[in-house]
Protein backbone atom coordinates (compact mmCIF):
# COMPACT_ATOMS: atom_id res chain seq x y z
CA GLU A 1 -83.40 26.86 49.91
CA THR A 2 -83.42 23.05 48.68
CA ALA A 3 -83.85 24.25 45.00
CA GLN A 4 -80.75 26.61 45.67
CA ALA A 5 -78.58 23.91 47.11
CA ALA A 6 -79.78 21.54 43.93
CA ALA A 7 -78.57 24.32 41.61
CA VAL A 8 -74.98 24.68 43.30
CA SER A 9 -74.66 20.98 43.12
CA SER A 10 -75.48 21.13 39.54
CA ALA A 11 -73.15 23.86 38.86
CA GLU A 12 -70.36 22.20 40.65
CA ALA A 13 -70.96 18.82 38.79
CA GLN A 14 -70.71 20.92 35.49
CA LEU A 15 -67.58 22.60 36.53
CA LYS A 16 -66.02 19.26 37.22
CA VAL A 17 -67.09 18.09 33.78
CA ALA A 18 -65.56 21.19 32.25
CA GLN A 19 -62.44 20.94 34.01
CA ALA A 20 -62.06 17.12 32.89
CA GLN A 21 -62.86 18.24 29.16
CA LEU A 22 -60.27 20.69 29.46
CA ASP A 23 -57.75 18.18 30.98
CA THR A 24 -58.59 15.80 28.17
CA ALA A 25 -58.26 18.70 25.57
CA ARG A 26 -54.81 19.60 27.25
CA ALA A 27 -53.62 16.05 26.74
CA GLN A 28 -54.66 15.85 23.27
CA VAL A 29 -52.60 19.17 22.62
CA GLY A 30 -49.65 17.35 24.01
CA GLN A 31 -50.20 14.33 21.96
CA SER A 32 -50.63 16.25 18.82
CA GLU A 33 -47.50 18.21 19.51
CA ALA A 34 -45.57 14.96 20.12
CA SER A 35 -46.91 13.66 16.93
CA LEU A 36 -45.67 16.85 15.31
CA ARG A 37 -42.32 16.61 16.69
CA GLN A 38 -42.15 12.98 15.41
CA SER A 39 -43.44 14.05 12.10
CA GLN A 40 -40.78 16.83 11.68
CA LEU A 41 -37.94 14.36 12.78
CA ASP A 42 -39.14 11.93 10.03
CA LEU A 43 -39.15 14.76 7.56
CA GLU A 44 -35.54 15.70 8.34
CA HIS A 45 -34.38 12.08 8.05
CA THR A 46 -35.62 12.28 4.40
CA ILE A 47 -32.66 14.45 3.66
CA ILE A 48 -29.32 12.55 4.20
CA ARG A 49 -26.41 14.86 4.81
CA ALA A 50 -22.72 13.78 4.39
CA PRO A 51 -20.87 13.83 7.78
CA VAL A 52 -17.91 15.34 6.19
CA GLU A 53 -17.03 17.69 3.26
CA GLY A 54 -15.27 16.02 0.42
CA VAL A 55 -15.74 14.71 -3.03
CA VAL A 56 -18.14 11.72 -3.61
CA VAL A 57 -16.12 8.87 -5.25
CA SER A 58 -19.09 6.51 -5.93
CA ARG A 59 -22.79 6.32 -5.65
CA ASN A 60 -24.61 3.41 -4.95
CA VAL A 61 -28.32 4.71 -5.16
CA ASP A 62 -30.37 6.44 -7.76
CA VAL A 63 -32.78 9.07 -7.49
CA GLY A 64 -36.49 7.94 -6.16
CA GLN A 65 -34.87 4.52 -5.04
CA THR A 66 -36.15 3.20 -1.76
CA VAL A 67 -33.67 2.81 0.82
CA ALA A 68 -34.68 0.46 3.93
CA ALA A 69 -33.24 0.81 7.14
CA SER A 70 -31.67 -2.61 8.87
CA LEU A 71 -29.36 -3.78 11.27
CA GLN A 72 -26.42 -2.86 8.94
CA ALA A 73 -26.90 0.60 7.43
CA PRO A 74 -26.45 0.49 3.58
CA THR A 75 -23.90 2.43 1.63
CA LEU A 76 -25.31 5.24 -0.10
CA PHE A 77 -22.27 7.26 -1.12
CA THR A 78 -18.26 6.86 -0.83
CA ILE A 79 -16.82 10.13 0.17
CA ALA A 80 -13.14 11.05 0.00
CA GLN A 81 -12.66 13.94 2.56
CA ASP A 82 -9.11 15.17 1.48
CA LEU A 83 -7.93 14.11 -2.06
CA SER A 84 -4.59 16.08 -1.28
CA LYS A 85 -3.61 13.44 1.07
CA MET A 86 -3.53 9.72 -0.26
CA GLN A 87 -2.58 6.53 1.29
CA VAL A 88 -1.07 3.55 -0.58
CA ASP A 89 -2.19 0.13 0.85
CA THR A 90 0.82 -2.34 -0.11
CA SER A 91 0.95 -5.98 0.20
CA MET A 92 4.42 -6.62 1.85
CA ASP A 93 5.64 -10.16 1.85
CA GLU A 94 6.17 -11.91 5.37
CA ALA A 95 9.96 -12.15 4.33
CA ASP A 96 10.30 -8.56 3.98
CA VAL A 97 7.84 -7.23 6.30
CA GLY A 98 10.35 -7.58 9.19
CA ARG A 99 12.83 -4.72 7.52
CA ILE A 100 9.94 -2.29 7.54
CA VAL A 101 9.64 0.22 10.32
CA LEU A 102 7.47 3.44 10.57
CA GLY A 103 9.03 6.56 9.12
CA GLN A 104 10.88 4.96 6.22
CA LYS A 105 11.03 6.53 2.95
CA ALA A 106 8.93 5.22 -0.10
CA THR A 107 8.61 5.93 -3.66
CA PHE A 108 6.07 4.48 -6.04
CA THR A 109 4.79 4.93 -9.66
CA VAL A 110 1.61 4.68 -11.18
CA ASP A 111 0.52 3.35 -14.90
CA ALA A 112 -1.22 6.91 -15.40
CA PHE A 113 1.98 8.79 -15.01
CA PRO A 114 5.01 6.10 -15.95
CA GLY A 115 7.57 8.83 -16.05
CA ARG A 116 6.66 10.17 -12.70
CA VAL A 117 8.02 9.14 -9.29
CA PHE A 118 5.81 9.96 -6.26
CA ARG A 119 7.26 10.12 -2.82
CA GLY A 120 5.83 9.06 0.53
CA GLU A 121 6.43 7.63 4.09
CA VAL A 122 5.43 4.44 5.97
CA VAL A 123 3.03 5.46 8.47
CA GLN A 124 1.48 2.14 9.48
CA ILE A 125 2.27 -1.38 9.59
CA ARG A 126 -1.01 -3.54 10.11
CA LYS A 127 -0.70 -6.66 11.94
CA ALA A 128 -3.40 -8.66 10.23
CA PRO A 129 -2.03 -11.16 7.67
CA GLN A 130 -3.43 -11.58 4.50
CA ILE A 131 -3.44 -15.01 2.88
CA VAL A 132 -3.98 -15.71 -0.89
CA GLN A 133 -2.95 -19.14 -2.09
CA ASN A 134 -0.64 -19.88 0.95
CA VAL A 135 1.14 -16.83 0.62
CA VAL A 136 1.17 -14.35 3.78
CA THR A 137 1.49 -10.71 3.10
CA TYR A 138 0.85 -7.65 5.58
CA ASP A 139 -0.67 -4.48 4.61
CA VAL A 140 1.77 -1.39 4.85
CA VAL A 141 0.30 1.87 4.69
CA VAL A 142 2.41 4.56 2.90
CA SER A 143 1.18 8.29 3.16
CA ALA A 144 1.64 10.64 0.25
CA GLU A 145 0.99 14.09 -0.63
CA ASN A 146 -1.35 14.66 -3.80
CA LEU A 147 -1.44 18.46 -3.85
CA GLU A 148 -1.52 18.49 -7.76
CA LEU A 149 -4.74 15.94 -7.49
CA LYS A 150 -2.99 13.75 -10.04
CA LEU A 151 -3.44 10.37 -7.99
CA LEU A 152 -6.92 9.11 -7.96
CA PRO A 153 -8.67 6.50 -5.63
CA GLY A 154 -8.14 2.93 -6.65
CA MET A 155 -5.02 3.46 -8.74
CA THR A 156 -2.34 0.52 -8.80
CA ALA A 157 0.92 1.65 -7.54
CA ASN A 158 4.66 -0.09 -7.62
CA VAL A 159 6.07 0.55 -4.40
CA LYS A 160 9.71 0.80 -3.13
CA VAL A 161 10.47 1.28 0.37
CA VAL A 162 14.19 2.20 1.06
CA THR A 163 15.44 -0.17 3.87
CA ASP A 164 19.01 0.65 3.70
CA GLN A 165 21.46 3.01 2.00
CA LYS A 166 24.96 3.62 1.37
CA ALA A 167 26.92 6.31 -0.41
CA ASP A 168 30.19 6.36 -2.09
CA VAL A 169 30.68 2.52 -2.22
CA LEU A 170 32.06 0.54 -4.76
CA ARG A 171 29.22 -1.47 -6.81
CA ILE A 172 29.31 -4.13 -9.54
CA PRO A 173 26.35 -5.15 -11.82
CA ASN A 174 24.32 -8.12 -10.92
CA ALA A 175 24.94 -9.59 -14.12
CA ALA A 176 28.56 -9.81 -13.26
CA LEU A 177 27.66 -12.15 -10.32
CA ARG A 178 25.51 -14.34 -12.42
CA PHE A 179 28.01 -14.94 -15.03
CA ARG A 180 29.63 -18.30 -15.46
CA PRO A 181 32.37 -18.94 -18.42
CA PRO A 182 31.01 -21.96 -20.53
CA GLY A 183 32.04 -25.30 -18.95
CA VAL A 184 32.12 -23.86 -15.18
CA GLU A 185 29.48 -24.78 -13.08
CA SER A 186 28.01 -22.37 -10.34
CA ASP A 187 28.94 -22.99 -7.06
CA ARG A 188 26.33 -23.80 -4.37
CA SER A 189 27.81 -21.13 -2.10
CA ALA A 190 27.22 -18.41 -4.53
CA GLN A 191 23.45 -19.05 -4.50
CA GLY A 192 22.87 -16.99 -1.26
CA ARG A 193 24.59 -13.86 -2.55
CA PRO A 194 22.64 -10.74 -3.67
CA GLY A 195 21.77 -10.98 -7.45
CA GLY A 196 22.34 -14.65 -7.34
CA GLY A 197 19.75 -17.38 -8.29
CA GLY A 198 17.05 -17.88 -5.78
CA GLY A 199 19.13 -18.04 -2.62
CA PRO A 200 18.55 -16.68 0.71
CA GLY A 201 20.04 -13.36 -0.18
CA ALA A 202 18.23 -12.96 -3.79
CA ALA A 203 16.54 -9.92 -4.67
CA ARG A 204 13.10 -9.98 -4.17
CA GLY A 205 10.01 -7.75 -4.52
CA GLY A 206 8.13 -6.26 -1.91
CA ALA A 207 10.34 -3.80 0.35
CA GLY A 208 11.93 -1.62 -2.46
CA GLY A 209 9.98 -3.08 -5.10
CA PRO A 210 11.27 -5.65 -7.45
CA GLY A 211 15.04 -6.05 -6.65
CA ALA A 212 15.01 -4.59 -3.02
CA ALA A 213 18.14 -4.84 -0.99
CA ARG A 214 18.58 -7.93 0.80
CA GLY A 215 21.16 -9.40 3.02
CA GLY A 216 24.07 -7.54 4.43
CA ALA A 217 28.04 -7.27 4.26
CA GLY A 218 29.84 -10.58 4.73
CA LEU A 219 28.08 -12.77 1.78
CA GLN A 220 30.40 -14.22 -0.63
CA GLY A 221 30.07 -13.66 -4.25
CA ARG A 222 32.35 -14.38 -7.36
CA VAL A 223 33.06 -12.51 -10.46
CA TRP A 224 35.17 -13.15 -13.34
CA VAL A 225 37.85 -10.81 -14.77
CA LEU A 226 40.15 -10.99 -17.69
CA GLY A 227 43.46 -12.62 -16.73
CA THR A 228 46.57 -13.27 -18.68
CA GLY A 229 46.23 -14.35 -22.02
CA GLY A 230 42.74 -12.71 -22.20
CA LYS A 231 41.45 -15.83 -20.33
CA PRO A 232 38.55 -15.20 -17.54
CA GLN A 233 39.90 -15.46 -14.18
CA PRO A 234 37.42 -15.93 -10.97
CA VAL A 235 37.89 -13.42 -8.15
CA THR A 236 35.86 -14.01 -4.79
CA LEU A 237 34.78 -11.02 -3.07
CA ARG A 238 32.50 -10.04 -0.15
CA VAL A 239 29.27 -8.28 -1.21
CA GLY A 240 26.82 -6.11 0.70
CA ILE A 241 23.33 -4.48 -0.06
CA THR A 242 21.70 -4.72 -3.59
CA ASP A 243 19.09 -2.91 -5.22
CA GLY A 244 18.43 -5.84 -7.77
CA THR A 245 20.60 -4.04 -10.45
CA TYR A 246 23.80 -3.22 -8.60
CA THR A 247 25.50 -4.92 -5.60
CA GLU A 248 27.85 -3.36 -3.20
CA VAL A 249 31.63 -4.69 -3.03
CA ALA A 250 32.27 -4.75 0.65
CA GLY A 251 35.76 -5.83 0.57
CA ASP A 252 38.91 -4.59 -1.26
CA GLU A 253 38.89 -7.49 -4.06
CA LEU A 254 38.14 -5.13 -6.94
CA LYS A 255 39.28 -1.59 -7.64
CA GLU A 256 37.44 1.21 -9.11
CA GLN A 257 37.08 1.09 -12.79
CA GLN A 258 38.27 -2.23 -13.05
CA GLU A 259 36.47 -4.42 -15.75
CA VAL A 260 34.47 -7.57 -14.87
CA ILE A 261 32.91 -9.97 -17.17
CA VAL A 262 28.90 -9.65 -17.43
CA GLY A 263 28.31 -11.95 -20.41
CA LEU A 264 29.24 -13.52 -23.75
CA GLY A 265 29.36 -11.16 -26.71
CA THR A 266 27.90 -12.63 -30.21
CA SER A 267 28.05 -11.11 -33.48
CA PRO A 268 24.49 -11.08 -35.55
CA GLU A 269 26.09 -13.19 -38.48
CA ARG A 270 26.87 -15.75 -35.56
CA PRO A 271 30.37 -16.62 -37.01
CA ALA A 272 32.27 -19.69 -35.97
CA PRO A 273 34.40 -19.24 -32.86
CA SER A 274 37.87 -18.49 -33.28
CA SER A 275 40.54 -20.58 -31.65
CA GLY A 276 40.88 -17.97 -28.96
CA GLY A 277 37.76 -18.94 -27.30
CA PRO A 278 34.37 -17.14 -26.98
CA ARG A 279 34.13 -13.39 -27.14
CA LEU A 280 33.58 -11.77 -23.55
CA ARG A 281 31.34 -8.94 -22.87
CA LEU A 282 32.75 -6.25 -20.47
């Protein structure tokens, strides 16, 4: 009986040892499975997939180059998701950004297609100012369709935003507003009119590009017409909006098809002036 009891105790001890070894083996299997999953995850991380479908615009790494992960993830590729829809970031002067509102129509040209005008719409006016050499500008985003894929990222565009427009109005060339006969000084009050020399209402680049419309009806200007005896005669008039080339006549001081003086005419031989005075160009 004593021998049998000893054999039973020995068998129970061996069973406990075998169970402990089984638990250890199961734990090692679980650890190996976790290590396998980590290795599979690391293997998947060696393949970098784009988050979106699109066209690769730029590649900043080469095949075989080591890419180190850090607090700031490095940029490997720049991808354009949809080149059929482009946006133009314009630098709008602070003096013009107040007249820009969402939904305004815009046109722009690029150097690659000088004879073509592209059309878009103002979709965003960003509030962060951009200061370069004490000049404050704001980023105005213009959205444009690019169904023919002619526009490419990074192109330089000359943008014009239509801030105001009028139809069927009388207009005169801005050269007529700038003209002064010899010996006549320009009055200071005319400096504020559109098309004038640098006043508050002068045409500026920015909204509408070079020569954008500024000011409104009620500003005064002065033009010269041929009076009696063929001599220049001044006409003071009210002017409205301007596109930098032509200015609206807001009053009734001039009639349609009436000629105004825009400059002095000279011949190639530069003859001596006649007694009648300089030749006027209408």
